[in-house]
Amino acid sequence: MKESHLVHIKDDDKNSYVFRVLLERDGDGWFIYAPALDKWGGATWGATKEQALERINEVVELILQELAEDGELVPEDVEVSQKPLVAVTL
């Protein structure tokens, strides 16, 4: 069963980005990916849900840094705000 979560990336004096990620059981662990970043390798895994969510935050942040360095735009289906955002998954 796939679960949908939001990943929030925020850095001071920069934009906030909210990505939808999908989390699914994969053997003894969890596979997680950000569909909006699929073509840049926006996927990872973890032994627990919490570990997978922590790792996807790192992956998303690295991809965003690379996109910025290359002068590429963030995909259109990503929420971008110049104000701080909070994402909560229940």
PDB file of N, CA and C in Angstrom:
ATOM      1  N   MET A   1       0.829  -1.175   0.000  1.00  0.00           N
ATOM      2  CA  MET A   1       0.000   0.000   0.000  1.00  0.00           C
ATOM      3  C   MET A   1       0.883   1.251   0.000  1.00  0.00           C
ATOM      4  N   LYS A   2       0.614   2.158  -0.901  1.00  0.00           N
ATOM      5  CA  LYS A   2       1.366   3.401  -0.981  1.00  0.00           C
ATOM      6  C   LYS A   2       0.743   4.419  -0.043  1.00  0.00           C
ATOM      7  N   GLU A   3       1.592   5.159   0.656  1.00  0.00           N
ATOM      8  CA  GLU A   3       1.153   6.257   1.491  1.00  0.00           C
ATOM      9  C   GLU A   3       1.677   7.542   0.886  1.00  0.00           C
ATOM     10  N   SER A   4       0.881   8.579   0.965  1.00  0.00           N
ATOM     11  CA  SER A   4       1.288   9.872   0.433  1.00  0.00           C
ATOM     12  C   SER A   4       1.659  10.788   1.591  1.00  0.00           C
ATOM     13  N   HIS A   5       2.779  11.458   1.485  1.00  0.00           N
ATOM     14  CA  HIS A   5       3.265  12.395   2.499  1.00  0.00           C
ATOM     15  C   HIS A   5       3.725  13.662   1.809  1.00  0.00           C
ATOM     16  N   LEU A   6       3.911  14.709   2.585  1.00  0.00           N
ATOM     17  CA  LEU A   6       4.486  15.940   2.082  1.00  0.00           C
ATOM     18  C   LEU A   6       5.860  16.105   2.693  1.00  0.00           C
ATOM     19  N   VAL A   7       6.799  16.577   1.911  1.00  0.00           N
ATOM     20  CA  VAL A   7       8.139  16.885   2.403  1.00  0.00           C
ATOM     21  C   VAL A   7       8.325  18.382   2.261  1.00  0.00           C
ATOM     22  N   HIS A   8       8.698  19.029   3.338  1.00  0.00           N
ATOM     23  CA  HIS A   8       8.878  20.474   3.358  1.00  0.00           C
ATOM     24  C   HIS A   8      10.365  20.786   3.433  1.00  0.00           C
ATOM     25  N   ILE A   9      10.852  21.584   2.529  1.00  0.00           N
ATOM     26  CA  ILE A   9      12.233  22.030   2.527  1.00  0.00           C
ATOM     27  C   ILE A   9      12.225  23.537   2.726  1.00  0.00           C
ATOM     28  N   LYS A  10      12.874  24.016   3.777  1.00  0.00           N
ATOM     29  CA  LYS A  10      12.926  25.456   4.060  1.00  0.00           C
ATOM     30  C   LYS A  10      14.323  25.823   4.516  1.00  0.00           C
ATOM     31  N   ASP A  11      14.856  26.899   3.972  1.00  0.00           N
ATOM     32  CA  ASP A  11      16.136  27.437   4.394  1.00  0.00           C
ATOM     33  C   ASP A  11      15.929  28.935   4.609  1.00  0.00           C
ATOM     34  N   ASP A  12      16.570  29.509   5.604  1.00  0.00           N
ATOM     35  CA  ASP A  12      16.414  30.937   5.882  1.00  0.00           C
ATOM     36  C   ASP A  12      16.713  31.776   4.641  1.00  0.00           C
ATOM     37  N   ASP A  13      15.909  32.798   4.453  1.00  0.00           N
ATOM     38  CA  ASP A  13      16.066  33.748   3.348  1.00  0.00           C
ATOM     39  C   ASP A  13      15.922  33.102   1.977  1.00  0.00           C
ATOM     40  N   LYS A  14      15.299  31.955   1.917  1.00  0.00           N
ATOM     41  CA  LYS A  14      15.082  31.287   0.634  1.00  0.00           C
ATOM     42  C   LYS A  14      13.631  30.838   0.548  1.00  0.00           C
ATOM     43  N   ASN A  15      13.255  30.276  -0.557  1.00  0.00           N
ATOM     44  CA  ASN A  15      11.897  29.793  -0.752  1.00  0.00           C
ATOM     45  C   ASN A  15      11.633  28.498   0.010  1.00  0.00           C
ATOM     46  N   SER A  16      10.364  28.259   0.274  1.00  0.00           N
ATOM     47  CA  SER A  16       9.914  26.985   0.828  1.00  0.00           C
ATOM     48  C   SER A  16       9.364  26.153  -0.319  1.00  0.00           C
ATOM     49  N   TYR A  17       9.605  24.849  -0.282  1.00  0.00           N
ATOM     50  CA  TYR A  17       9.135  23.941  -1.320  1.00  0.00           C
ATOM     51  C   TYR A  17       8.400  22.786  -0.658  1.00  0.00           C
ATOM     52  N   VAL A  18       7.264  22.430  -1.196  1.00  0.00           N
ATOM     53  CA  VAL A  18       6.504  21.299  -0.666  1.00  0.00           C
ATOM     54  C   VAL A  18       6.345  20.279  -1.786  1.00  0.00           C
ATOM     55  N   PHE A  19       6.818  19.064  -1.526  1.00  0.00           N
ATOM     56  CA  PHE A  19       6.763  17.976  -2.493  1.00  0.00           C
ATOM     57  C   PHE A  19       5.862  16.862  -1.972  1.00  0.00           C
ATOM     58  N   ARG A  20       5.074  16.298  -2.839  1.00  0.00           N
ATOM     59  CA  ARG A  20       4.321  15.099  -2.493  1.00  0.00           C
ATOM     60  C   ARG A  20       5.263  13.924  -2.699  1.00  0.00           C
ATOM     61  N   VAL A  21       5.322  13.037  -1.724  1.00  0.00           N
ATOM     62  CA  VAL A  21       6.141  11.836  -1.845  1.00  0.00           C
ATOM     63  C   VAL A  21       5.272  10.621  -1.599  1.00  0.00           C
ATOM     64  N   LEU A  22       5.640   9.521  -2.196  1.00  0.00           N
ATOM     65  CA  LEU A  22       4.921   8.260  -2.021  1.00  0.00           C
ATOM     66  C   LEU A  22       5.822   7.268  -1.312  1.00  0.00           C
ATOM     67  N   LEU A  23       5.271   6.619  -0.310  1.00  0.00           N
ATOM     68  CA  LEU A  23       6.000   5.691   0.535  1.00  0.00           C
ATOM     69  C   LEU A  23       5.323   4.335   0.436  1.00  0.00           C
ATOM     70  N   GLU A  24       6.104   3.299   0.161  1.00  0.00           N
ATOM     71  CA  GLU A  24       5.512   1.965   0.058  1.00  0.00           C
ATOM     72  C   GLU A  24       6.456   0.921   0.644  1.00  0.00           C
ATOM     73  N   ARG A  25       5.867  -0.122   1.170  1.00  0.00           N
ATOM     74  CA  ARG A  25       6.618  -1.227   1.743  1.00  0.00           C
ATOM     75  C   ARG A  25       7.433  -1.889   0.654  1.00  0.00           C
ATOM     76  N   ASP A  26       8.687  -2.211   0.962  1.00  0.00           N
ATOM     77  CA  ASP A  26       9.578  -2.856   0.000  1.00  0.00           C
ATOM     78  C   ASP A  26      10.386  -3.912   0.749  1.00  0.00           C
ATOM     79  N   GLY A  27       9.883  -5.128   0.786  1.00  0.00           N
ATOM     80  CA  GLY A  27      10.555  -6.191   1.528  1.00  0.00           C
ATOM     81  C   GLY A  27      10.567  -5.865   3.006  1.00  0.00           C
ATOM     82  N   ASP A  28      11.753  -5.787   3.590  1.00  0.00           N
ATOM     83  CA  ASP A  28      11.891  -5.473   5.009  1.00  0.00           C
ATOM     84  C   ASP A  28      12.003  -3.973   5.275  1.00  0.00           C
ATOM     85  N   GLY A  29      11.973  -3.165   4.231  1.00  0.00           N
ATOM     86  CA  GLY A  29      12.142  -1.722   4.389  1.00  0.00           C
ATOM     87  C   GLY A  29      11.033  -0.943   3.714  1.00  0.00           C
ATOM     88  N   TRP A  30      11.330   0.324   3.433  1.00  0.00           N
ATOM     89  CA  TRP A  30      10.367   1.238   2.825  1.00  0.00           C
ATOM     90  C   TRP A  30      11.024   1.981   1.668  1.00  0.00           C
ATOM     91  N   PHE A  31      10.341   2.011   0.531  1.00  0.00           N
ATOM     92  CA  PHE A  31      10.767   2.752  -0.654  1.00  0.00           C
ATOM     93  C   PHE A  31       9.978   4.044  -0.666  1.00  0.00           C
ATOM     94  N   ILE A  32      10.649   5.159  -0.960  1.00  0.00           N
ATOM     95  CA  ILE A  32       9.982   6.455  -0.991  1.00  0.00           C
ATOM     96  C   ILE A  32      10.500   7.261  -2.175  1.00  0.00           C
ATOM     97  N   TYR A  33       9.589   7.983  -2.829  1.00  0.00           N
ATOM     98  CA  TYR A  33      10.011   8.790  -3.969  1.00  0.00           C
ATOM     99  C   TYR A  33       9.128  10.023  -4.121  1.00  0.00           C
ATOM    100  N   ALA A  34       9.700  11.035  -4.757  1.00  0.00           N
ATOM    101  CA  ALA A  34       8.997  12.281  -5.072  1.00  0.00           C
ATOM    102  C   ALA A  34       8.706  12.259  -6.570  1.00  0.00           C
ATOM    103  N   PRO A  35       7.449  12.011  -6.966  1.00  0.00           N
ATOM    104  CA  PRO A  35       7.137  11.926  -8.395  1.00  0.00           C
ATOM    105  C   PRO A  35       7.598  13.141  -9.205  1.00  0.00           C
ATOM    106  N   ALA A  36       7.537  14.326  -8.632  1.00  0.00           N
ATOM    107  CA  ALA A  36       7.951  15.534  -9.357  1.00  0.00           C
ATOM    108  C   ALA A  36       9.441  15.542  -9.666  1.00  0.00           C
ATOM    109  N   LEU A  37      10.217  14.746  -8.929  1.00  0.00           N
ATOM    110  CA  LEU A  37      11.674  14.717  -9.126  1.00  0.00           C
ATOM    111  C   LEU A  37      12.148  13.379  -9.668  1.00  0.00           C
ATOM    112  N   ASP A  38      11.247  12.608 -10.211  1.00  0.00           N
ATOM    113  CA  ASP A  38      11.570  11.270 -10.702  1.00  0.00           C
ATOM    114  C   ASP A  38      12.694  11.286 -11.732  1.00  0.00           C
ATOM    115  N   LYS A  39      12.657  12.224 -12.671  1.00  0.00           N
ATOM    116  CA  LYS A  39      13.681  12.222 -13.733  1.00  0.00           C
ATOM    117  C   LYS A  39      15.068  12.622 -13.233  1.00  0.00           C
ATOM    118  N   TRP A  40      15.148  13.148 -12.004  1.00  0.00           N
ATOM    119  CA  TRP A  40      16.441  13.503 -11.411  1.00  0.00           C
ATOM    120  C   TRP A  40      16.860  12.487 -10.344  1.00  0.00           C
ATOM    121  N   GLY A  41      16.148  11.383 -10.246  1.00  0.00           N
ATOM    122  CA  GLY A  41      16.493  10.351  -9.270  1.00  0.00           C
ATOM    123  C   GLY A  41      15.947  10.623  -7.882  1.00  0.00           C
ATOM    124  N   GLY A  42      14.788  11.230  -7.784  1.00  0.00           N
ATOM    125  CA  GLY A  42      14.192  11.598  -6.500  1.00  0.00           C
ATOM    126  C   GLY A  42      13.588  10.423  -5.760  1.00  0.00           C
ATOM    127  N   ALA A  43      14.414   9.443  -5.398  1.00  0.00           N
ATOM    128  CA  ALA A  43      13.938   8.252  -4.693  1.00  0.00           C
ATOM    129  C   ALA A  43      15.001   7.760  -3.728  1.00  0.00           C
ATOM    130  N   THR A  44      14.566   7.067  -2.694  1.00  0.00           N
ATOM    131  CA  THR A  44      15.483   6.458  -1.741  1.00  0.00           C
ATOM    132  C   THR A  44      14.717   5.391  -0.963  1.00  0.00           C
ATOM    133  N   TRP A  45      15.296   4.905   0.120  1.00  0.00           N
ATOM    134  CA  TRP A  45      14.665   3.857   0.922  1.00  0.00           C
ATOM    135  C   TRP A  45      15.110   4.027   2.370  1.00  0.00           C
ATOM    136  N   GLY A  46      14.480   3.272   3.254  1.00  0.00           N
ATOM    137  CA  GLY A  46      14.870   3.266   4.658  1.00  0.00           C
ATOM    138  C   GLY A  46      14.384   1.991   5.318  1.00  0.00           C
ATOM    139  N   ALA A  47      15.019   1.625   6.404  1.00  0.00           N
ATOM    140  CA  ALA A  47      14.612   0.436   7.156  1.00  0.00           C
ATOM    141  C   ALA A  47      13.274   0.677   7.850  1.00  0.00           C
ATOM    142  N   THR A  48      12.993   1.952   8.201  1.00  0.00           N
ATOM    143  CA  THR A  48      11.727   2.332   8.827  1.00  0.00           C
ATOM    144  C   THR A  48      11.105   3.460   8.015  1.00  0.00           C
ATOM    145  N   LYS A  49       9.811   3.724   8.257  1.00  0.00           N
ATOM    146  CA  LYS A  49       9.162   4.853   7.589  1.00  0.00           C
ATOM    147  C   LYS A  49       9.881   6.154   7.920  1.00  0.00           C
ATOM    148  N   GLU A  50      10.219   6.322   9.190  1.00  0.00           N
ATOM    149  CA  GLU A  50      10.863   7.549   9.634  1.00  0.00           C
ATOM    150  C   GLU A  50      12.211   7.753   8.934  1.00  0.00           C
ATOM    151  N   GLN A  51      12.978   6.685   8.813  1.00  0.00           N
ATOM    152  CA  GLN A  51      14.275   6.770   8.144  1.00  0.00           C
ATOM    153  C   GLN A  51      14.092   7.112   6.666  1.00  0.00           C
ATOM    154  N   ALA A  52      13.109   6.504   6.023  1.00  0.00           N
ATOM    155  CA  ALA A  52      12.842   6.795   4.607  1.00  0.00           C
ATOM    156  C   ALA A  52      12.459   8.263   4.429  1.00  0.00           C
ATOM    157  N   LEU A  53      11.621   8.788   5.317  1.00  0.00           N
ATOM    158  CA  LEU A  53      11.219  10.191   5.227  1.00  0.00           C
ATOM    159  C   LEU A  53      12.404  11.132   5.457  1.00  0.00           C
ATOM    160  N   GLU A  54      13.286  10.802   6.388  1.00  0.00           N
ATOM    161  CA  GLU A  54      14.487  11.616   6.607  1.00  0.00           C
ATOM    162  C   GLU A  54      15.367  11.604   5.357  1.00  0.00           C
ATOM    163  N   ARG A  55      15.539  10.436   4.780  1.00  0.00           N
ATOM    164  CA  ARG A  55      16.412  10.317   3.606  1.00  0.00           C
ATOM    165  C   ARG A  55      15.848  11.041   2.396  1.00  0.00           C
ATOM    166  N   ILE A  56      14.520  11.004   2.207  1.00  0.00           N
ATOM    167  CA  ILE A  56      13.961  11.690   1.030  1.00  0.00           C
ATOM    168  C   ILE A  56      14.119  13.198   1.194  1.00  0.00           C
ATOM    169  N   ASN A  57      14.081  13.692   2.424  1.00  0.00           N
ATOM    170  CA  ASN A  57      14.354  15.115   2.635  1.00  0.00           C
ATOM    171  C   ASN A  57      15.743  15.468   2.134  1.00  0.00           C
ATOM    172  N   GLU A  58      16.720  14.636   2.451  1.00  0.00           N
ATOM    173  CA  GLU A  58      18.092  14.871   2.003  1.00  0.00           C
ATOM    174  C   GLU A  58      18.194  14.816   0.484  1.00  0.00           C
ATOM    175  N   VAL A  59      17.554  13.818  -0.116  1.00  0.00           N
ATOM    176  CA  VAL A  59      17.586  13.659  -1.576  1.00  0.00           C
ATOM    177  C   VAL A  59      16.957  14.866  -2.258  1.00  0.00           C
ATOM    178  N   VAL A  60      15.796  15.295  -1.777  1.00  0.00           N
ATOM    179  CA  VAL A  60      15.097  16.437  -2.376  1.00  0.00           C
ATOM    180  C   VAL A  60      15.949  17.695  -2.257  1.00  0.00           C
ATOM    181  N   GLU A  61      16.541  17.902  -1.107  1.00  0.00           N
ATOM    182  CA  GLU A  61      17.384  19.084  -0.918  1.00  0.00           C
ATOM    183  C   GLU A  61      18.574  19.073  -1.872  1.00  0.00           C
ATOM    184  N   LEU A  62      19.223  17.929  -2.031  1.00  0.00           N
ATOM    185  CA  LEU A  62      20.360  17.832  -2.953  1.00  0.00           C
ATOM    186  C   LEU A  62      19.932  18.112  -4.397  1.00  0.00           C
ATOM    187  N   ILE A  63      18.806  17.558  -4.805  1.00  0.00           N
ATOM    188  CA  ILE A  63      18.322  17.788  -6.173  1.00  0.00           C
ATOM    189  C   ILE A  63      18.007  19.263  -6.377  1.00  0.00           C
ATOM    190  N   LEU A  64      17.355  19.904  -5.399  1.00  0.00           N
ATOM    191  CA  LEU A  64      17.050  21.328  -5.527  1.00  0.00           C
ATOM    192  C   LEU A  64      18.321  22.165  -5.628  1.00  0.00           C
ATOM    193  N   GLN A  65      19.338  21.807  -4.862  1.00  0.00           N
ATOM    194  CA  GLN A  65      20.609  22.529  -4.947  1.00  0.00           C
ATOM    195  C   GLN A  65      21.224  22.374  -6.334  1.00  0.00           C
ATOM    196  N   GLU A  66      21.181  21.164  -6.880  1.00  0.00           N
ATOM    197  CA  GLU A  66      21.724  20.935  -8.227  1.00  0.00           C
ATOM    198  C   GLU A  66      20.935  21.699  -9.281  1.00  0.00           C
ATOM    199  N   LEU A  67      19.602  21.700  -9.165  1.00  0.00           N
ATOM    200  CA  LEU A  67      18.779  22.445 -10.115  1.00  0.00           C
ATOM    201  C   LEU A  67      19.134  23.932 -10.071  1.00  0.00           C
ATOM    202  N   ALA A  68      19.292  24.475  -8.872  1.00  0.00           N
ATOM    203  CA  ALA A  68      19.637  25.893  -8.723  1.00  0.00           C
ATOM    204  C   ALA A  68      21.007  26.181  -9.330  1.00  0.00           C
ATOM    205  N   GLU A  69      21.978  25.316  -9.066  1.00  0.00           N
ATOM    206  CA  GLU A  69      23.327  25.510  -9.614  1.00  0.00           C
ATOM    207  C   GLU A  69      23.331  25.450 -11.137  1.00  0.00           C
ATOM    208  N   ASP A  70      22.463  24.610 -11.708  1.00  0.00           N
ATOM    209  CA  ASP A  70      22.386  24.471 -13.159  1.00  0.00           C
ATOM    210  C   ASP A  70      21.443  25.486 -13.800  1.00  0.00           C
ATOM    211  N   GLY A  71      20.809  26.326 -12.982  1.00  0.00           N
ATOM    212  CA  GLY A  71      19.891  27.333 -13.501  1.00  0.00           C
ATOM    213  C   GLY A  71      18.578  26.757 -13.996  1.00  0.00           C
ATOM    214  N   GLU A  72      18.236  25.556 -13.557  1.00  0.00           N
ATOM    215  CA  GLU A  72      16.976  24.925 -13.966  1.00  0.00           C
ATOM    216  C   GLU A  72      15.861  25.314 -13.011  1.00  0.00           C
ATOM    217  N   LEU A  73      14.636  25.276 -13.507  1.00  0.00           N
ATOM    218  CA  LEU A  73      13.471  25.617 -12.707  1.00  0.00           C
ATOM    219  C   LEU A  73      12.968  24.405 -11.934  1.00  0.00           C
ATOM    220  N   VAL A  74      12.335  24.665 -10.799  1.00  0.00           N
ATOM    221  CA  VAL A  74      11.684  23.622 -10.016  1.00  0.00           C
ATOM    222  C   VAL A  74      10.450  23.172 -10.801  1.00  0.00           C
ATOM    223  N   PRO A  75      10.143  21.872 -10.824  1.00  0.00           N
ATOM    224  CA  PRO A  75       8.966  21.396 -11.562  1.00  0.00           C
ATOM    225  C   PRO A  75       7.698  22.155 -11.176  1.00  0.00           C
ATOM    226  N   GLU A  76       6.794  22.322 -12.131  1.00  0.00           N
ATOM    227  CA  GLU A  76       5.587  23.115 -11.944  1.00  0.00           C
ATOM    228  C   GLU A  76       4.648  22.581 -10.876  1.00  0.00           C
ATOM    229  N   ASP A  77       4.613  21.272 -10.648  1.00  0.00           N
ATOM    230  CA  ASP A  77       3.653  20.725  -9.692  1.00  0.00           C
ATOM    231  C   ASP A  77       4.149  20.755  -8.247  1.00  0.00           C
ATOM    232  N   VAL A  78       5.176  21.543  -7.980  1.00  0.00           N
ATOM    233  CA  VAL A  78       5.725  21.697  -6.641  1.00  0.00           C
ATOM    234  C   VAL A  78       5.255  23.034  -6.079  1.00  0.00           C
ATOM    235  N   GLU A  79       4.756  23.017  -4.847  1.00  0.00           N
ATOM    236  CA  GLU A  79       4.327  24.253  -4.208  1.00  0.00           C
ATOM    237  C   GLU A  79       5.557  25.028  -3.749  1.00  0.00           C
ATOM    238  N   VAL A  80       5.639  26.290  -4.163  1.00  0.00           N
ATOM    239  CA  VAL A  80       6.770  27.149  -3.806  1.00  0.00           C
ATOM    240  C   VAL A  80       6.211  28.397  -3.126  1.00  0.00           C
ATOM    241  N   SER A  81       6.828  28.774  -2.017  1.00  0.00           N
ATOM    242  CA  SER A  81       6.384  29.944  -1.279  1.00  0.00           C
ATOM    243  C   SER A  81       7.593  30.717  -0.784  1.00  0.00           C
ATOM    244  N   GLN A  82       7.469  32.030  -0.747  1.00  0.00           N
ATOM    245  CA  GLN A  82       8.527  32.848  -0.176  1.00  0.00           C
ATOM    246  C   GLN A  82       8.332  33.009   1.321  1.00  0.00           C
ATOM    247  N   LYS A  83       7.232  32.468   1.836  1.00  0.00           N
ATOM    248  CA  LYS A  83       6.947  32.508   3.266  1.00  0.00           C
ATOM    249  C   LYS A  83       7.158  31.115   3.847  1.00  0.00           C
ATOM    250  N   PRO A  84       7.476  31.044   5.134  1.00  0.00           N
ATOM    251  CA  PRO A  84       7.641  29.732   5.760  1.00  0.00           C
ATOM    252  C   PRO A  84       6.347  28.916   5.687  1.00  0.00           C
ATOM    253  N   LEU A  85       6.495  27.624   5.511  1.00  0.00           N
ATOM    254  CA  LEU A  85       5.369  26.693   5.460  1.00  0.00           C
ATOM    255  C   LEU A  85       5.573  25.590   6.487  1.00  0.00           C
ATOM    256  N   VAL A  86       4.501  24.992   6.897  1.00  0.00           N
ATOM    257  CA  VAL A  86       4.564  23.836   7.782  1.00  0.00           C
ATOM    258  C   VAL A  86       3.779  22.728   7.109  1.00  0.00           C
ATOM    259  N   ALA A  87       4.367  21.552   7.035  1.00  0.00           N
ATOM    260  CA  ALA A  87       3.672  20.384   6.483  1.00  0.00           C
ATOM    261  C   ALA A  87       3.515  19.358   7.600  1.00  0.00           C
ATOM    262  N   VAL A  88       2.293  18.873   7.760  1.00  0.00           N
ATOM    263  CA  VAL A  88       2.001  17.896   8.791  1.00  0.00           C
ATOM    264  C   VAL A  88       1.314  16.703   8.138  1.00  0.00           C
ATOM    265  N   THR A  89       1.782  15.508   8.444  1.00  0.00           N
ATOM    266  CA  THR A  89       1.161  14.303   7.938  1.00  0.00           C
ATOM    267  C   THR A  89       0.564  13.549   9.106  1.00  0.00           C
ATOM    268  N   LEU A  90      -0.716  13.271   9.047  1.00  0.00           N
ATOM    269  CA  LEU A  90      -1.389  12.527  10.121  1.00  0.00           C
ATOM    270  C   LEU A  90      -1.822  11.166   9.635  1.00  0.00           C
TER     271      LEU A  90
END
